[in-house]
Amino acid sequence: MGELGSMLILWVVVLGLMWFLLMRPQKKEQKRVQAMLASMEVGDTALTTSGFYGVIIDITDEDVIVEFGNNKNCRIPMQKAAIAQIEKPNAE
């Protein structure tokens, strides 16, 4: 029974270590993305997950409207999850 108990403890330690190494960084990244999306403001430059840069012109609870280029007709509504990076206009 002692060998079985030590083997069980070993598995619990291994699984705990795997959780710490795999799941914790993922949750940290999710928190970073949520903070980035919460700090979005109208006028910020956004990089979409498809690689396009645009200016945010409107924000709702789940969506944003991004204007691409100088053409006022190129305004695309998209989900906030499609935003990969935000650049503030006055950031130096």
N, C-alpha and C. Protein backbone atom coordinates (compact mmCIF):
# COMPACT_ATOMS: atom_id res chain seq x y z
N MET A 1 0.82 -1.20 0.00
CA MET A 1 0.00 0.00 0.00
C MET A 1 0.87 1.26 0.00
N GLY A 2 2.06 1.19 0.61
CA GLY A 2 2.96 2.34 0.66
C GLY A 2 3.44 2.73 -0.72
N GLU A 3 3.70 1.74 -1.57
CA GLU A 3 4.15 2.03 -2.94
C GLU A 3 3.04 2.67 -3.76
N LEU A 4 1.82 2.19 -3.57
CA LEU A 4 0.67 2.75 -4.28
C LEU A 4 0.42 4.20 -3.84
N GLY A 5 0.56 4.46 -2.55
CA GLY A 5 0.37 5.82 -2.04
C GLY A 5 1.41 6.80 -2.56
N SER A 6 2.66 6.34 -2.60
CA SER A 6 3.71 7.23 -3.10
C SER A 6 3.54 7.47 -4.60
N MET A 7 3.07 6.47 -5.34
CA MET A 7 2.82 6.64 -6.77
C MET A 7 1.68 7.63 -7.01
N LEU A 8 0.66 7.56 -6.17
CA LEU A 8 -0.47 8.49 -6.27
C LEU A 8 -0.01 9.92 -5.97
N ILE A 9 0.81 10.08 -4.95
CA ILE A 9 1.32 11.41 -4.62
C ILE A 9 2.18 11.95 -5.76
N LEU A 10 2.98 11.09 -6.36
CA LEU A 10 3.81 11.50 -7.49
C LEU A 10 2.95 12.01 -8.65
N TRP A 11 1.86 11.31 -8.96
CA TRP A 11 0.97 11.73 -10.04
C TRP A 11 0.29 13.06 -9.73
N VAL A 12 -0.10 13.23 -8.47
CA VAL A 12 -0.73 14.50 -8.08
C VAL A 12 0.26 15.64 -8.24
N VAL A 13 1.51 15.44 -7.85
CA VAL A 13 2.54 16.47 -8.00
C VAL A 13 2.79 16.77 -9.47
N VAL A 14 2.86 15.74 -10.29
CA VAL A 14 3.10 15.93 -11.73
C VAL A 14 1.94 16.69 -12.36
N LEU A 15 0.71 16.33 -12.04
CA LEU A 15 -0.45 17.04 -12.60
C LEU A 15 -0.51 18.49 -12.11
N GLY A 16 -0.16 18.72 -10.85
CA GLY A 16 -0.13 20.08 -10.33
C GLY A 16 0.93 20.92 -11.03
N LEU A 17 2.07 20.33 -11.30
CA LEU A 17 3.14 21.03 -12.01
C LEU A 17 2.73 21.33 -13.45
N MET A 18 2.07 20.38 -14.09
CA MET A 18 1.60 20.61 -15.47
C MET A 18 0.58 21.74 -15.50
N TRP A 19 -0.32 21.78 -14.53
CA TRP A 19 -1.30 22.86 -14.49
C TRP A 19 -0.59 24.20 -14.33
N PHE A 20 0.38 24.23 -13.43
CA PHE A 20 1.08 25.48 -13.17
C PHE A 20 1.84 25.95 -14.41
N LEU A 21 2.44 25.03 -15.16
CA LEU A 21 3.23 25.41 -16.33
C LEU A 21 2.40 25.67 -17.57
N LEU A 22 1.22 25.07 -17.68
CA LEU A 22 0.42 25.20 -18.90
C LEU A 22 -0.78 26.13 -18.75
N MET A 23 -1.53 25.99 -17.69
CA MET A 23 -2.78 26.74 -17.56
C MET A 23 -2.56 28.15 -17.01
N ARG A 24 -1.64 28.31 -16.12
CA ARG A 24 -1.43 29.62 -15.51
C ARG A 24 -1.00 30.67 -16.53
N PRO A 25 -0.04 30.41 -17.42
CA PRO A 25 0.30 31.43 -18.42
C PRO A 25 -0.87 31.78 -19.35
N GLN A 26 -1.71 30.79 -19.64
CA GLN A 26 -2.86 31.04 -20.50
C GLN A 26 -3.84 31.99 -19.80
N LYS A 27 -4.08 31.79 -18.53
CA LYS A 27 -4.99 32.68 -17.80
C LYS A 27 -4.39 34.08 -17.67
N LYS A 28 -3.08 34.15 -17.51
CA LYS A 28 -2.42 35.45 -17.43
C LYS A 28 -2.57 36.21 -18.75
N GLU A 29 -2.44 35.51 -19.87
CA GLU A 29 -2.62 36.12 -21.19
C GLU A 29 -4.06 36.58 -21.38
N GLN A 30 -5.03 35.79 -20.92
CA GLN A 30 -6.43 36.18 -21.02
C GLN A 30 -6.70 37.45 -20.24
N LYS A 31 -6.10 37.58 -19.07
CA LYS A 31 -6.28 38.79 -18.27
C LYS A 31 -5.66 40.00 -18.98
N ARG A 32 -4.50 39.81 -19.63
CA ARG A 32 -3.85 40.89 -20.36
C ARG A 32 -4.73 41.37 -21.51
N VAL A 33 -5.31 40.41 -22.24
CA VAL A 33 -6.18 40.76 -23.37
C VAL A 33 -7.43 41.48 -22.88
N GLN A 34 -8.02 41.00 -21.79
CA GLN A 34 -9.22 41.65 -21.25
C GLN A 34 -8.91 43.09 -20.82
N ALA A 35 -7.74 43.29 -20.21
CA ALA A 35 -7.36 44.65 -19.80
C ALA A 35 -7.15 45.55 -21.01
N MET A 36 -6.55 44.99 -22.07
CA MET A 36 -6.34 45.77 -23.30
C MET A 36 -7.67 46.17 -23.91
N LEU A 37 -8.60 45.23 -23.98
CA LEU A 37 -9.90 45.53 -24.58
C LEU A 37 -10.69 46.51 -23.72
N ALA A 38 -10.52 46.46 -22.41
CA ALA A 38 -11.22 47.38 -21.53
C ALA A 38 -10.67 48.79 -21.65
N SER A 39 -9.41 48.93 -22.05
CA SER A 39 -8.81 50.26 -22.15
C SER A 39 -8.98 50.88 -23.53
N MET A 40 -9.67 50.21 -24.44
CA MET A 40 -9.89 50.76 -25.79
C MET A 40 -10.72 52.03 -25.72
N GLU A 41 -10.35 53.00 -26.53
CA GLU A 41 -11.10 54.25 -26.63
C GLU A 41 -11.23 54.63 -28.09
N VAL A 42 -12.22 55.46 -28.37
CA VAL A 42 -12.40 55.97 -29.72
C VAL A 42 -11.16 56.80 -30.08
N GLY A 43 -10.63 56.57 -31.27
CA GLY A 43 -9.44 57.28 -31.73
C GLY A 43 -8.17 56.45 -31.63
N ASP A 44 -8.22 55.33 -30.90
CA ASP A 44 -7.05 54.45 -30.81
C ASP A 44 -6.83 53.74 -32.13
N THR A 45 -5.58 53.41 -32.42
CA THR A 45 -5.25 52.61 -33.60
C THR A 45 -5.29 51.15 -33.19
N ALA A 46 -5.98 50.34 -33.98
CA ALA A 46 -6.13 48.92 -33.66
C ALA A 46 -5.51 48.07 -34.75
N LEU A 47 -4.82 47.03 -34.32
CA LEU A 47 -4.32 46.00 -35.23
C LEU A 47 -5.26 44.82 -35.10
N THR A 48 -5.88 44.41 -36.20
CA THR A 48 -6.80 43.28 -36.15
C THR A 48 -6.03 41.96 -36.23
N THR A 49 -6.71 40.88 -35.90
CA THR A 49 -6.07 39.57 -35.96
C THR A 49 -5.73 39.18 -37.39
N SER A 50 -6.35 39.81 -38.38
CA SER A 50 -6.02 39.52 -39.77
C SER A 50 -4.90 40.41 -40.30
N GLY A 51 -4.38 41.33 -39.47
CA GLY A 51 -3.22 42.11 -39.85
C GLY A 51 -3.49 43.50 -40.39
N PHE A 52 -4.71 43.98 -40.30
CA PHE A 52 -5.05 45.32 -40.79
C PHE A 52 -5.01 46.33 -39.67
N TYR A 53 -4.48 47.52 -39.96
CA TYR A 53 -4.50 48.63 -39.01
C TYR A 53 -5.67 49.54 -39.35
N GLY A 54 -6.34 50.02 -38.31
CA GLY A 54 -7.44 50.95 -38.49
C GLY A 54 -7.64 51.77 -37.24
N VAL A 55 -8.50 52.77 -37.34
CA VAL A 55 -8.81 53.65 -36.23
C VAL A 55 -10.19 53.31 -35.70
N ILE A 56 -10.31 53.16 -34.40
CA ILE A 56 -11.59 52.85 -33.78
C ILE A 56 -12.44 54.11 -33.78
N ILE A 57 -13.65 53.99 -34.35
CA ILE A 57 -14.53 55.17 -34.40
C ILE A 57 -15.78 55.01 -33.54
N ASP A 58 -16.07 53.77 -33.09
CA ASP A 58 -17.22 53.55 -32.20
C ASP A 58 -17.01 52.25 -31.45
N ILE A 59 -17.48 52.21 -30.20
CA ILE A 59 -17.35 51.02 -29.36
C ILE A 59 -18.69 50.74 -28.71
N THR A 60 -19.13 49.49 -28.80
CA THR A 60 -20.31 49.03 -28.06
C THR A 60 -19.84 47.96 -27.07
N ASP A 61 -20.78 47.27 -26.43
CA ASP A 61 -20.40 46.26 -25.44
C ASP A 61 -19.58 45.13 -26.03
N GLU A 62 -19.98 44.63 -27.19
CA GLU A 62 -19.31 43.47 -27.78
C GLU A 62 -18.61 43.76 -29.10
N ASP A 63 -18.92 44.89 -29.71
CA ASP A 63 -18.39 45.18 -31.04
C ASP A 63 -17.66 46.51 -31.06
N VAL A 64 -16.85 46.68 -32.10
CA VAL A 64 -16.20 47.96 -32.39
C VAL A 64 -16.38 48.24 -33.88
N ILE A 65 -16.36 49.50 -34.25
CA ILE A 65 -16.37 49.88 -35.66
C ILE A 65 -15.00 50.49 -35.94
N VAL A 66 -14.31 49.90 -36.92
CA VAL A 66 -12.96 50.32 -37.26
C VAL A 66 -12.96 50.90 -38.66
N GLU A 67 -12.30 52.06 -38.81
CA GLU A 67 -12.19 52.71 -40.10
C GLU A 67 -10.79 52.44 -40.65
N PHE A 68 -10.73 51.92 -41.86
CA PHE A 68 -9.47 51.56 -42.49
C PHE A 68 -9.13 52.58 -43.57
N GLY A 69 -7.94 53.16 -43.52
CA GLY A 69 -7.51 54.13 -44.52
C GLY A 69 -8.20 55.46 -44.35
N ASN A 70 -8.08 56.31 -45.36
CA ASN A 70 -8.70 57.63 -45.33
C ASN A 70 -10.09 57.64 -45.94
N ASN A 71 -10.51 56.52 -46.52
CA ASN A 71 -11.81 56.42 -47.16
C ASN A 71 -12.88 56.25 -46.09
N LYS A 72 -13.76 57.23 -45.98
CA LYS A 72 -14.80 57.18 -44.95
C LYS A 72 -15.81 56.07 -45.21
N ASN A 73 -15.79 55.48 -46.41
CA ASN A 73 -16.71 54.39 -46.73
C ASN A 73 -16.19 53.04 -46.27
N CYS A 74 -14.97 52.97 -45.79
CA CYS A 74 -14.38 51.71 -45.38
C CYS A 74 -14.41 51.59 -43.86
N ARG A 75 -15.61 51.43 -43.34
CA ARG A 75 -15.82 51.27 -41.90
C ARG A 75 -16.40 49.88 -41.69
N ILE A 76 -15.75 49.10 -40.86
CA ILE A 76 -16.16 47.71 -40.69
C ILE A 76 -16.46 47.43 -39.22
N PRO A 77 -17.68 46.97 -38.92
CA PRO A 77 -17.95 46.53 -37.54
C PRO A 77 -17.36 45.14 -37.33
N MET A 78 -16.77 44.93 -36.15
CA MET A 78 -16.19 43.63 -35.84
C MET A 78 -16.27 43.38 -34.34
N GLN A 79 -16.13 42.13 -33.97
CA GLN A 79 -16.14 41.78 -32.56
C GLN A 79 -14.85 42.25 -31.91
N LYS A 80 -14.93 42.53 -30.62
CA LYS A 80 -13.74 42.97 -29.89
C LYS A 80 -12.65 41.90 -29.91
N ALA A 81 -13.04 40.64 -30.01
CA ALA A 81 -12.07 39.55 -30.03
C ALA A 81 -11.18 39.59 -31.27
N ALA A 82 -11.59 40.33 -32.30
CA ALA A 82 -10.80 40.44 -33.52
C ALA A 82 -9.69 41.47 -33.41
N ILE A 83 -9.60 42.16 -32.28
CA ILE A 83 -8.55 43.16 -32.07
C ILE A 83 -7.37 42.47 -31.38
N ALA A 84 -6.19 42.54 -32.01
CA ALA A 84 -5.01 41.88 -31.46
C ALA A 84 -4.15 42.84 -30.65
N GLN A 85 -4.16 44.13 -31.02
CA GLN A 85 -3.27 45.08 -30.36
C GLN A 85 -3.86 46.47 -30.47
N ILE A 86 -3.63 47.29 -29.45
CA ILE A 86 -4.13 48.67 -29.42
C ILE A 86 -2.93 49.60 -29.27
N GLU A 87 -2.92 50.67 -30.04
CA GLU A 87 -1.91 51.72 -29.89
C GLU A 87 -2.62 53.03 -29.60
N LYS A 88 -2.25 53.65 -28.51
CA LYS A 88 -2.83 54.96 -28.15
C LYS A 88 -2.22 56.03 -29.04
N PRO A 89 -3.00 57.03 -29.45
CA PRO A 89 -2.47 58.04 -30.36
C PRO A 89 -1.37 58.90 -29.75
N ASN A 90 -1.37 59.13 -28.44
CA ASN A 90 -0.37 59.98 -27.80
C ASN A 90 0.75 59.19 -27.14
N ALA A 91 0.79 57.88 -27.35
CA ALA A 91 1.83 57.06 -26.73
C ALA A 91 3.16 57.29 -27.42
N GLU A 92 4.19 57.49 -26.63
CA GLU A 92 5.51 57.72 -27.20
C GLU A 92 6.50 56.74 -26.63
